Amino acid sequence: MKKTVVLGASPNPSRYSNRAVKRLLSNGYEAVAIGIRAGEINGIEIITDTPLVKNVHTITLYLNPERQKLHYDYILSLQPERIIFNPGTENHELMRLASEQGIEVEVACTLILLSVGEY
């Protein structure tokens, strides 16, 4: 199963990151929600620090490029197989760093990938 870290998760149900966690869960994926504000999404606690998460398949980003800079080392330390840059999160510097480490980089919308069965 593709364990996914949702970086930038929000307890606000109108946010795309919140919807992504819900959609991942409803499609049978394991979701780890990491965000700025504590809370929960469908019983999944939003973690507000940077835990060591093992066996990460995908990190899906919901942080703008400026906020991502604080998390470069953390993101890369999780050694995901891929990073999804959702609309508005495109970051050529992080894309390059990830590619150099053999991490697949995808510019896409997690919600659309899930809805069309291409996740």
N, C-alpha and C. Protein backbone atom coordinates (compact mmCIF):
# COMPACT_ATOMS: atom_id res chain seq x y z
N MET A 1 0.85 -1.18 0.00
CA MET A 1 0.00 0.00 0.00
C MET A 1 0.89 1.24 0.00
N LYS A 2 0.47 2.24 -0.74
CA LYS A 2 1.27 3.46 -0.89
C LYS A 2 1.03 4.41 0.28
N LYS A 3 1.93 4.36 1.28
CA LYS A 3 1.83 5.29 2.41
C LYS A 3 2.14 6.68 1.90
N THR A 4 1.25 7.62 2.21
CA THR A 4 1.40 8.98 1.71
C THR A 4 1.48 9.97 2.87
N VAL A 5 2.47 10.83 2.82
CA VAL A 5 2.58 11.95 3.75
C VAL A 5 1.96 13.16 3.06
N VAL A 6 0.96 13.74 3.71
CA VAL A 6 0.33 14.96 3.21
C VAL A 6 0.96 16.10 3.99
N LEU A 7 1.88 16.81 3.34
CA LEU A 7 2.61 17.88 4.00
C LEU A 7 1.91 19.20 3.72
N GLY A 8 1.41 19.81 4.79
CA GLY A 8 0.60 21.01 4.67
C GLY A 8 -0.86 20.71 4.96
N ALA A 9 -1.11 19.60 5.65
CA ALA A 9 -2.47 19.18 5.97
C ALA A 9 -3.16 20.22 6.86
N SER A 10 -4.43 20.43 6.60
CA SER A 10 -5.22 21.43 7.35
C SER A 10 -6.47 20.79 7.94
N PRO A 11 -6.83 21.20 9.17
CA PRO A 11 -8.09 20.70 9.75
C PRO A 11 -9.33 21.34 9.10
N ASN A 12 -9.13 22.35 8.27
CA ASN A 12 -10.23 23.05 7.61
C ASN A 12 -10.77 22.18 6.47
N PRO A 13 -12.03 21.73 6.55
CA PRO A 13 -12.57 20.83 5.53
C PRO A 13 -12.68 21.44 4.14
N SER A 14 -12.55 22.75 4.01
CA SER A 14 -12.64 23.35 2.68
C SER A 14 -11.28 23.40 1.97
N ARG A 15 -10.22 23.02 2.67
CA ARG A 15 -8.88 23.05 2.08
C ARG A 15 -8.62 21.76 1.29
N TYR A 16 -7.88 21.90 0.20
CA TYR A 16 -7.60 20.74 -0.64
C TYR A 16 -6.78 19.68 0.09
N SER A 17 -5.90 20.10 0.98
CA SER A 17 -5.10 19.12 1.74
C SER A 17 -6.00 18.25 2.60
N ASN A 18 -7.03 18.84 3.18
CA ASN A 18 -8.00 18.10 3.99
C ASN A 18 -8.74 17.10 3.11
N ARG A 19 -9.17 17.55 1.96
CA ARG A 19 -9.88 16.67 1.03
C ARG A 19 -8.98 15.54 0.56
N ALA A 20 -7.70 15.83 0.37
CA ALA A 20 -6.77 14.80 -0.09
C ALA A 20 -6.63 13.69 0.95
N VAL A 21 -6.51 14.06 2.22
CA VAL A 21 -6.41 13.05 3.27
C VAL A 21 -7.67 12.18 3.26
N LYS A 22 -8.82 12.80 3.19
CA LYS A 22 -10.08 12.04 3.17
C LYS A 22 -10.15 11.11 1.96
N ARG A 23 -9.77 11.62 0.79
CA ARG A 23 -9.83 10.81 -0.43
C ARG A 23 -8.82 9.67 -0.38
N LEU A 24 -7.62 9.92 0.14
CA LEU A 24 -6.64 8.85 0.29
C LEU A 24 -7.20 7.73 1.17
N LEU A 25 -7.76 8.12 2.31
CA LEU A 25 -8.32 7.13 3.23
C LEU A 25 -9.46 6.34 2.58
N SER A 26 -10.34 7.04 1.88
CA SER A 26 -11.49 6.36 1.27
C SER A 26 -11.07 5.44 0.13
N ASN A 27 -9.87 5.66 -0.41
CA ASN A 27 -9.34 4.79 -1.46
C ASN A 27 -8.41 3.71 -0.90
N GLY A 28 -8.35 3.61 0.43
CA GLY A 28 -7.59 2.54 1.05
C GLY A 28 -6.12 2.81 1.27
N TYR A 29 -5.67 4.05 1.08
CA TYR A 29 -4.27 4.39 1.30
C TYR A 29 -4.04 4.81 2.74
N GLU A 30 -2.83 4.58 3.23
CA GLU A 30 -2.45 5.06 4.55
C GLU A 30 -1.99 6.50 4.40
N ALA A 31 -2.57 7.40 5.19
CA ALA A 31 -2.23 8.82 5.11
C ALA A 31 -1.63 9.28 6.43
N VAL A 32 -0.54 10.04 6.33
CA VAL A 32 0.08 10.69 7.47
C VAL A 32 -0.07 12.18 7.23
N ALA A 33 -0.82 12.85 8.11
CA ALA A 33 -1.11 14.27 7.94
C ALA A 33 -0.15 15.10 8.79
N ILE A 34 0.60 15.97 8.12
CA ILE A 34 1.53 16.85 8.82
C ILE A 34 1.18 18.28 8.43
N GLY A 35 0.98 19.13 9.45
CA GLY A 35 0.57 20.49 9.18
C GLY A 35 1.04 21.47 10.23
N ILE A 36 0.62 22.69 10.06
CA ILE A 36 0.99 23.77 10.98
C ILE A 36 0.07 23.79 12.20
N ARG A 37 -1.21 23.51 11.97
CA ARG A 37 -2.20 23.54 13.04
C ARG A 37 -2.60 22.12 13.45
N ALA A 38 -2.66 21.91 14.75
CA ALA A 38 -3.11 20.61 15.25
C ALA A 38 -4.59 20.43 14.93
N GLY A 39 -5.01 19.21 14.90
CA GLY A 39 -6.39 18.87 14.64
C GLY A 39 -6.45 17.45 14.13
N GLU A 40 -7.55 17.12 13.48
CA GLU A 40 -7.66 15.79 12.91
C GLU A 40 -8.53 15.82 11.67
N ILE A 41 -8.33 14.81 10.85
CA ILE A 41 -9.09 14.65 9.63
C ILE A 41 -9.55 13.21 9.59
N ASN A 42 -10.85 13.01 9.73
CA ASN A 42 -11.42 11.64 9.72
C ASN A 42 -10.68 10.69 10.65
N GLY A 43 -10.37 11.17 11.85
CA GLY A 43 -9.70 10.34 12.84
C GLY A 43 -8.19 10.29 12.72
N ILE A 44 -7.63 10.91 11.71
CA ILE A 44 -6.18 10.97 11.54
C ILE A 44 -5.68 12.25 12.19
N GLU A 45 -4.79 12.12 13.16
CA GLU A 45 -4.23 13.29 13.84
C GLU A 45 -3.33 14.07 12.90
N ILE A 46 -3.45 15.39 12.91
CA ILE A 46 -2.52 16.24 12.16
C ILE A 46 -1.32 16.48 13.07
N ILE A 47 -0.18 16.01 12.63
CA ILE A 47 1.05 16.12 13.39
C ILE A 47 1.69 17.48 13.08
N THR A 48 2.14 18.18 14.11
CA THR A 48 2.68 19.53 13.90
C THR A 48 4.19 19.60 14.00
N ASP A 49 4.85 18.45 14.07
CA ASP A 49 6.31 18.47 14.04
C ASP A 49 6.77 17.62 12.85
N THR A 50 7.99 17.16 12.88
CA THR A 50 8.53 16.42 11.74
C THR A 50 8.93 15.02 12.19
N PRO A 51 7.97 14.12 12.29
CA PRO A 51 8.26 12.77 12.77
C PRO A 51 8.99 11.94 11.72
N LEU A 52 9.73 10.97 12.20
CA LEU A 52 10.34 10.00 11.30
C LEU A 52 9.23 9.06 10.84
N VAL A 53 8.96 9.05 9.57
CA VAL A 53 7.94 8.18 9.00
C VAL A 53 8.66 7.21 8.08
N LYS A 54 8.45 5.93 8.32
CA LYS A 54 9.15 4.92 7.52
C LYS A 54 8.27 4.42 6.38
N ASN A 55 8.92 3.92 5.35
CA ASN A 55 8.24 3.31 4.20
C ASN A 55 7.28 4.26 3.50
N VAL A 56 7.72 5.49 3.29
CA VAL A 56 6.90 6.49 2.61
C VAL A 56 6.99 6.25 1.11
N HIS A 57 5.85 6.07 0.49
CA HIS A 57 5.83 5.95 -0.97
C HIS A 57 5.77 7.33 -1.60
N THR A 58 4.85 8.17 -1.10
CA THR A 58 4.59 9.46 -1.72
C THR A 58 4.50 10.56 -0.67
N ILE A 59 5.07 11.71 -1.01
CA ILE A 59 4.80 12.94 -0.26
C ILE A 59 4.03 13.82 -1.21
N THR A 60 2.85 14.26 -0.78
CA THR A 60 2.07 15.18 -1.59
C THR A 60 2.10 16.54 -0.89
N LEU A 61 2.53 17.55 -1.63
CA LEU A 61 2.79 18.86 -1.03
C LEU A 61 1.61 19.81 -1.16
N TYR A 62 1.30 20.44 -0.04
CA TYR A 62 0.31 21.52 0.02
C TYR A 62 0.91 22.72 0.74
N LEU A 63 2.20 22.94 0.54
CA LEU A 63 2.91 24.10 1.07
C LEU A 63 3.45 24.90 -0.10
N ASN A 64 3.36 26.21 0.00
CA ASN A 64 3.92 27.02 -1.10
C ASN A 64 5.44 26.89 -1.09
N PRO A 65 6.09 27.20 -2.20
CA PRO A 65 7.53 27.01 -2.31
C PRO A 65 8.35 27.68 -1.20
N GLU A 66 7.93 28.84 -0.75
CA GLU A 66 8.67 29.53 0.31
C GLU A 66 8.64 28.72 1.61
N ARG A 67 7.49 28.18 1.97
CA ARG A 67 7.38 27.36 3.19
C ARG A 67 8.10 26.03 3.04
N GLN A 68 8.18 25.53 1.83
CA GLN A 68 8.86 24.26 1.59
C GLN A 68 10.33 24.32 1.98
N LYS A 69 10.95 25.49 1.80
CA LYS A 69 12.39 25.62 2.06
C LYS A 69 12.76 25.16 3.47
N LEU A 70 11.90 25.42 4.43
CA LEU A 70 12.15 25.01 5.81
C LEU A 70 12.13 23.49 5.97
N HIS A 71 11.55 22.80 4.99
CA HIS A 71 11.33 21.36 5.11
C HIS A 71 12.16 20.52 4.13
N TYR A 72 13.04 21.13 3.36
CA TYR A 72 13.82 20.37 2.37
C TYR A 72 14.50 19.15 2.99
N ASP A 73 15.26 19.36 4.05
CA ASP A 73 15.99 18.25 4.66
C ASP A 73 15.03 17.17 5.16
N TYR A 74 13.94 17.60 5.76
CA TYR A 74 12.96 16.64 6.26
C TYR A 74 12.35 15.84 5.12
N ILE A 75 11.90 16.52 4.09
CA ILE A 75 11.26 15.86 2.95
C ILE A 75 12.21 14.81 2.36
N LEU A 76 13.44 15.21 2.12
CA LEU A 76 14.40 14.30 1.51
C LEU A 76 14.79 13.16 2.45
N SER A 77 14.79 13.43 3.77
CA SER A 77 15.17 12.39 4.74
C SER A 77 14.16 11.25 4.79
N LEU A 78 12.93 11.50 4.38
CA LEU A 78 11.90 10.46 4.39
C LEU A 78 12.09 9.47 3.24
N GLN A 79 12.93 9.83 2.29
CA GLN A 79 13.27 8.98 1.15
C GLN A 79 12.03 8.42 0.45
N PRO A 80 11.12 9.29 0.04
CA PRO A 80 9.92 8.80 -0.65
C PRO A 80 10.28 8.31 -2.05
N GLU A 81 9.40 7.52 -2.62
CA GLU A 81 9.60 7.12 -4.01
C GLU A 81 9.22 8.26 -4.95
N ARG A 82 8.25 9.08 -4.52
CA ARG A 82 7.87 10.22 -5.36
C ARG A 82 7.37 11.37 -4.50
N ILE A 83 7.42 12.56 -5.10
CA ILE A 83 6.86 13.77 -4.51
C ILE A 83 5.89 14.34 -5.53
N ILE A 84 4.67 14.61 -5.07
CA ILE A 84 3.67 15.25 -5.93
C ILE A 84 3.62 16.72 -5.57
N PHE A 85 3.84 17.56 -6.56
CA PHE A 85 3.72 19.01 -6.40
C PHE A 85 2.33 19.39 -6.92
N ASN A 86 1.42 19.65 -5.98
CA ASN A 86 0.07 20.05 -6.33
C ASN A 86 0.08 21.46 -6.89
N PRO A 87 -0.99 21.88 -7.58
CA PRO A 87 -1.02 23.24 -8.15
C PRO A 87 -0.67 24.30 -7.10
N GLY A 88 0.26 25.17 -7.46
CA GLY A 88 0.69 26.25 -6.58
C GLY A 88 1.89 25.88 -5.71
N THR A 89 2.32 24.61 -5.78
CA THR A 89 3.45 24.19 -4.96
C THR A 89 4.70 23.91 -5.79
N GLU A 90 4.63 24.13 -7.08
CA GLU A 90 5.75 23.84 -7.96
C GLU A 90 7.00 24.58 -7.48
N ASN A 91 8.12 23.83 -7.40
CA ASN A 91 9.34 24.38 -6.84
C ASN A 91 10.52 23.70 -7.53
N HIS A 92 11.13 24.40 -8.47
CA HIS A 92 12.19 23.81 -9.28
C HIS A 92 13.41 23.42 -8.46
N GLU A 93 13.71 24.17 -7.41
CA GLU A 93 14.86 23.83 -6.57
C GLU A 93 14.64 22.49 -5.87
N LEU A 94 13.49 22.31 -5.24
CA LEU A 94 13.20 21.04 -4.57
C LEU A 94 13.06 19.91 -5.58
N MET A 95 12.49 20.20 -6.73
CA MET A 95 12.38 19.18 -7.78
C MET A 95 13.76 18.67 -8.18
N ARG A 96 14.70 19.59 -8.33
CA ARG A 96 16.06 19.21 -8.70
C ARG A 96 16.72 18.38 -7.60
N LEU A 97 16.60 18.83 -6.36
CA LEU A 97 17.19 18.11 -5.23
C LEU A 97 16.62 16.70 -5.13
N ALA A 98 15.32 16.57 -5.31
CA ALA A 98 14.68 15.26 -5.24
C ALA A 98 15.15 14.36 -6.38
N SER A 99 15.16 14.91 -7.58
CA SER A 99 15.59 14.13 -8.75
C SER A 99 17.02 13.63 -8.59
N GLU A 100 17.88 14.47 -8.01
CA GLU A 100 19.27 14.08 -7.79
C GLU A 100 19.39 12.89 -6.84
N GLN A 101 18.37 12.71 -6.00
CA GLN A 101 18.37 11.58 -5.06
C GLN A 101 17.55 10.40 -5.60
N GLY A 102 17.15 10.47 -6.85
CA GLY A 102 16.41 9.38 -7.46
C GLY A 102 14.93 9.33 -7.10
N ILE A 103 14.42 10.44 -6.59
CA ILE A 103 13.01 10.53 -6.22
C ILE A 103 12.22 11.01 -7.43
N GLU A 104 11.15 10.29 -7.76
CA GLU A 104 10.29 10.70 -8.86
C GLU A 104 9.58 12.00 -8.49
N VAL A 105 9.52 12.91 -9.43
CA VAL A 105 8.87 14.20 -9.24
C VAL A 105 7.68 14.27 -10.17
N GLU A 106 6.53 14.63 -9.63
CA GLU A 106 5.32 14.71 -10.43
C GLU A 106 4.60 16.02 -10.12
N VAL A 107 4.31 16.79 -11.16
CA VAL A 107 3.51 18.00 -11.02
C VAL A 107 2.09 17.59 -11.41
N ALA A 108 1.23 17.50 -10.40
CA ALA A 108 -0.12 16.98 -10.63
C ALA A 108 -1.00 17.35 -9.45
N CYS A 109 -2.26 17.04 -9.58
CA CYS A 109 -3.22 17.24 -8.48
C CYS A 109 -3.56 15.88 -7.90
N THR A 110 -3.24 15.69 -6.63
CA THR A 110 -3.51 14.42 -5.96
C THR A 110 -4.97 14.03 -6.08
N LEU A 111 -5.86 15.00 -5.89
CA LEU A 111 -7.30 14.69 -5.95
C LEU A 111 -7.70 14.17 -7.32
N ILE A 112 -7.15 14.75 -8.37
CA ILE A 112 -7.49 14.28 -9.72
C ILE A 112 -6.88 12.92 -9.96
N LEU A 113 -5.63 12.71 -9.57
CA LEU A 113 -5.01 11.39 -9.73
C LEU A 113 -5.84 10.31 -9.05
N LEU A 114 -6.33 10.58 -7.86
CA LEU A 114 -7.16 9.62 -7.15
C LEU A 114 -8.50 9.40 -7.86
N SER A 115 -9.08 10.48 -8.35
CA SER A 115 -10.41 10.37 -8.96
C SER A 115 -10.41 9.62 -10.28
N VAL A 116 -9.27 9.64 -10.99
CA VAL A 116 -9.20 8.94 -12.27
C VAL A 116 -8.46 7.60 -12.16
N GLY A 117 -8.12 7.20 -10.94
CA GLY A 117 -7.48 5.91 -10.73
C GLY A 117 -6.04 5.82 -11.17
N GLU A 118 -5.33 6.96 -11.21
CA GLU A 118 -3.93 6.97 -11.64
C GLU A 118 -2.96 7.29 -10.51
N TYR A 119 -3.43 7.18 -9.28
CA TYR A 119 -2.58 7.50 -8.14
C TYR A 119 -1.51 6.44 -7.99
